[in-house]
Protein backbone atom coordinates (compact mmCIF):
# COMPACT_ATOMS: atom_id res chain seq x y z
CA UNK A 1 0.00 0.00 0.00
CA UNK A 2 1.25 3.49 -0.82
CA UNK A 3 1.83 5.26 2.50
CA UNK A 4 1.23 8.63 0.83
CA UNK A 5 -2.47 7.73 0.68
CA UNK A 6 -2.76 7.18 4.44
CA UNK A 7 -3.95 10.14 6.52
CA UNK A 8 -1.54 11.72 8.95
CA UNK A 9 -1.98 10.21 12.42
CA UNK A 10 -4.04 12.49 14.62
CA UNK A 11 -4.02 13.05 18.37
CA UNK A 12 -7.22 12.95 20.36
CA UNK A 13 -8.22 13.11 23.98
CA UNK A 14 -11.49 11.78 25.30
CA UNK A 15 -13.92 13.87 27.33
CA UNK A 16 -16.47 12.08 29.47
CA UNK A 17 -20.10 12.56 28.53
CA UNK A 18 -21.90 12.41 31.87
CA UNK A 19 -25.48 11.27 32.27
CA UNK A 20 -26.47 14.96 32.36
CA UNK A 21 -24.61 15.70 29.10
CA UNK A 22 -26.04 12.60 27.41
CA UNK A 23 -29.57 13.43 28.55
CA UNK A 24 -29.26 16.99 27.20
CA UNK A 25 -28.03 15.67 23.85
CA UNK A 26 -30.82 13.10 23.73
CA UNK A 27 -33.25 15.99 24.24
CA UNK A 28 -31.67 17.91 21.35
CA UNK A 29 -30.08 20.49 23.68
CA UNK A 30 -26.66 21.02 22.10
CA UNK A 31 -25.81 24.00 24.33
CA UNK A 32 -26.74 22.08 27.48
CA UNK A 33 -24.83 19.01 26.38
CA UNK A 34 -21.78 21.10 25.53
CA UNK A 35 -21.95 22.92 28.88
CA UNK A 36 -22.23 19.64 30.80
CA UNK A 37 -19.34 18.13 28.84
CA UNK A 38 -17.16 21.22 29.07
CA UNK A 39 -16.43 21.25 25.32
CA UNK A 40 -18.22 22.70 22.29
CA UNK A 41 -19.93 19.72 20.73
CA UNK A 42 -20.85 19.54 17.05
CA UNK A 43 -24.39 19.49 15.60
CA UNK A 44 -23.69 15.82 14.85
CA UNK A 45 -24.30 15.16 18.56
CA UNK A 46 -27.98 16.09 18.27
CA UNK A 47 -28.77 14.35 14.97
CA UNK A 48 -31.68 11.89 15.03
CA UNK A 49 -29.56 8.73 15.41
CA UNK A 50 -27.16 10.36 17.88
CA UNK A 51 -30.08 11.52 20.03
CA UNK A 52 -31.41 7.94 20.25
CA UNK A 53 -27.98 6.52 21.10
CA UNK A 54 -27.22 9.20 23.67
CA UNK A 55 -30.62 8.66 25.30
CA UNK A 56 -29.86 4.96 25.51
CA UNK A 57 -26.45 5.67 27.07
CA UNK A 58 -27.97 8.15 29.57
CA UNK A 59 -30.46 5.47 30.65
CA UNK A 60 -27.57 2.99 30.92
CA UNK A 61 -25.69 5.33 33.27
CA UNK A 62 -28.84 6.01 35.31
CA UNK A 63 -29.18 2.24 35.88
CA UNK A 64 -25.46 1.66 36.48
CA UNK A 65 -23.26 4.70 37.21
CA UNK A 66 -20.23 2.39 37.46
CA UNK A 67 -20.45 1.90 33.67
CA UNK A 68 -19.30 5.51 33.12
CA UNK A 69 -15.64 4.67 32.37
CA UNK A 70 -16.80 2.34 29.58
CA UNK A 71 -19.36 4.49 27.78
CA UNK A 72 -19.37 7.13 25.08
CA UNK A 73 -16.94 10.03 25.20
CA UNK A 74 -16.41 13.03 22.98
CA UNK A 75 -13.22 12.79 20.93
CA UNK A 76 -11.33 16.08 20.93
CA UNK A 77 -8.54 16.80 18.44
CA UNK A 78 -5.29 17.98 19.98
CA UNK A 79 -3.90 20.54 20.12
CA UNK A 80 -6.71 22.62 18.56
CA UNK A 81 -9.53 21.38 20.86
CA UNK A 82 -12.08 20.66 18.12
CA UNK A 83 -14.59 17.90 18.85
CA UNK A 84 -14.19 15.46 15.96
CA UNK A 85 -16.45 12.60 17.02
CA UNK A 86 -17.41 10.24 19.78
CA UNK A 87 -16.04 6.89 20.85
CA UNK A 88 -16.28 4.38 23.63
CA UNK A 89 -17.55 0.99 24.55
CA UNK A 90 -21.10 -0.27 24.69
CA UNK A 91 -20.57 -0.95 28.38
CA UNK A 92 -18.19 -2.57 30.83
CA UNK A 93 -16.80 -6.06 30.19
CA UNK A 94 -19.48 -8.74 30.33
CA UNK A 95 -19.16 -11.98 32.30
CA UNK A 96 -17.00 -13.44 29.52
CA UNK A 97 -14.68 -10.42 29.53
CA UNK A 98 -15.96 -9.04 26.23
CA UNK A 99 -16.33 -5.33 25.41
CA UNK A 100 -17.64 -3.85 22.21
CA UNK A 101 -16.15 -0.72 20.66
CA UNK A 102 -18.03 2.02 18.89
CA UNK A 103 -16.80 5.20 17.24
CA UNK A 104 -18.13 7.92 14.96
CA UNK A 105 -16.29 10.77 13.28
CA UNK A 106 -18.14 14.03 12.64
CA UNK A 107 -18.67 14.26 8.85
CA UNK A 108 -16.45 17.33 8.40
CA UNK A 109 -13.50 15.53 9.99
CA UNK A 110 -13.68 12.18 8.20
CA UNK A 111 -10.81 10.70 6.18
CA UNK A 112 -8.21 12.48 8.31
CA UNK A 113 -7.10 9.59 10.53
CA UNK A 114 -9.31 10.31 13.54
CA UNK A 115 -11.20 7.00 13.44
CA UNK A 116 -7.96 4.98 13.51
CA UNK A 117 -6.64 7.14 16.34
CA UNK A 118 -9.83 6.70 18.36
CA UNK A 119 -9.88 2.94 17.75
CA UNK A 120 -6.22 2.59 18.74
CA UNK A 121 -6.92 4.42 22.02
CA UNK A 122 -9.98 2.26 22.73
CA UNK A 123 -8.03 -0.92 22.07
CA UNK A 124 -5.19 0.23 24.33
CA UNK A 125 -7.72 0.97 27.08
CA UNK A 126 -9.29 -2.47 26.70
CA UNK A 127 -5.94 -4.27 26.62
CA UNK A 128 -4.84 -2.50 29.81
CA UNK A 129 -7.83 -3.79 31.79
CA UNK A 130 -7.31 -7.27 33.26
CA UNK A 131 -11.07 -7.93 33.08
CA UNK A 132 -11.13 -7.64 29.28
CA UNK A 133 -10.42 -10.79 27.30
CA UNK A 134 -12.05 -9.95 23.95
CA UNK A 135 -12.86 -6.79 22.02
CA UNK A 136 -15.73 -6.91 19.54
CA UNK A 137 -16.61 -4.58 16.69
CA UNK A 138 -19.86 -4.82 14.72
CA UNK A 139 -19.89 -2.99 11.39
CA UNK A 140 -22.57 -2.76 8.73
CA UNK A 141 -21.46 -4.60 5.61
CA UNK A 142 -21.79 -1.44 3.49
CA UNK A 143 -19.74 0.76 5.85
CA UNK A 144 -16.53 0.63 3.85
CA UNK A 145 -14.89 3.40 5.89
CA UNK A 146 -15.27 1.55 9.21
CA UNK A 147 -14.28 -1.75 7.62
CA UNK A 148 -11.11 -0.06 6.36
CA UNK A 149 -10.52 1.49 9.78
CA UNK A 150 -10.34 -1.83 11.62
CA UNK A 151 -8.07 -3.38 8.97
CA UNK A 152 -4.58 -3.76 10.34
CA UNK A 153 -5.63 -3.95 13.99
CA UNK A 154 -5.77 -7.75 14.05
CA UNK A 155 -9.54 -8.29 14.19
CA UNK A 156 -10.93 -11.59 12.91
CA UNK A 157 -14.30 -11.81 11.15
CA UNK A 158 -16.30 -14.17 13.40
CA UNK A 159 -19.84 -13.89 12.06
CA UNK A 160 -22.71 -11.92 10.63
CA UNK A 161 -26.00 -10.62 11.97
CA UNK A 162 -29.11 -9.21 10.35
CA UNK A 163 -30.62 -9.85 6.96
CA UNK A 164 -30.53 -8.50 3.43
CA UNK A 165 -33.61 -6.32 3.98
CA UNK A 166 -32.42 -4.59 7.18
CA UNK A 167 -28.73 -4.87 6.42
CA UNK A 168 -25.99 -7.30 7.26
CA UNK A 169 -23.65 -6.52 10.14
CA UNK A 170 -20.22 -8.13 10.21
CA UNK A 171 -18.95 -9.16 13.64
CA UNK A 172 -15.22 -8.93 14.34
CA UNK A 173 -13.26 -9.85 17.46
CA UNK A 174 -9.73 -9.64 18.74
CA UNK A 175 -8.31 -11.24 21.91
CA UNK A 176 -7.19 -8.46 24.26
CA UNK A 177 -3.88 -10.25 24.82
CA UNK A 178 -2.99 -9.87 21.13
CA UNK A 179 -3.82 -6.17 20.73
CA UNK A 180 -1.01 -4.24 19.13
CA UNK A 181 -0.69 -0.73 17.74
CA UNK A 182 -1.61 -0.39 14.09
């Protein structure tokens, strides 16, 4: 592969999205969500799908506040401080030691290396936790950008979910013990 085609590696830091911030975003309150998070979030954070997901995550934290270290965070580009997306896990490790990653890059910041940077940080976080044995990623079969993002990280395709009408989702996993930087 021609390295000139790869985006320059980016630096990001993660900012916690508290239950209060998530609830505000779920309600479509971008200003309230930004204030609660302490960073200026993008309109992407109050889009229809984002509002549903953030409402789900707020409910998750209301039920189990200890899940906070494993849930969605805003991804902030360094050193400029621009929020470029969100990333995290779907929750803490389950009884089998599995966590599932999720990440989204704000449309205006795509194809700049942020998704790979976020994924690398998530994988490092998972590998550092002794309770994590497996990291899972589920990606829609037509999401070529996310499929390209996980390439090179050592994931193995382990199955599929869904159907042709609603869409096929590919399931990938990697043992935490084998995680390496990509």
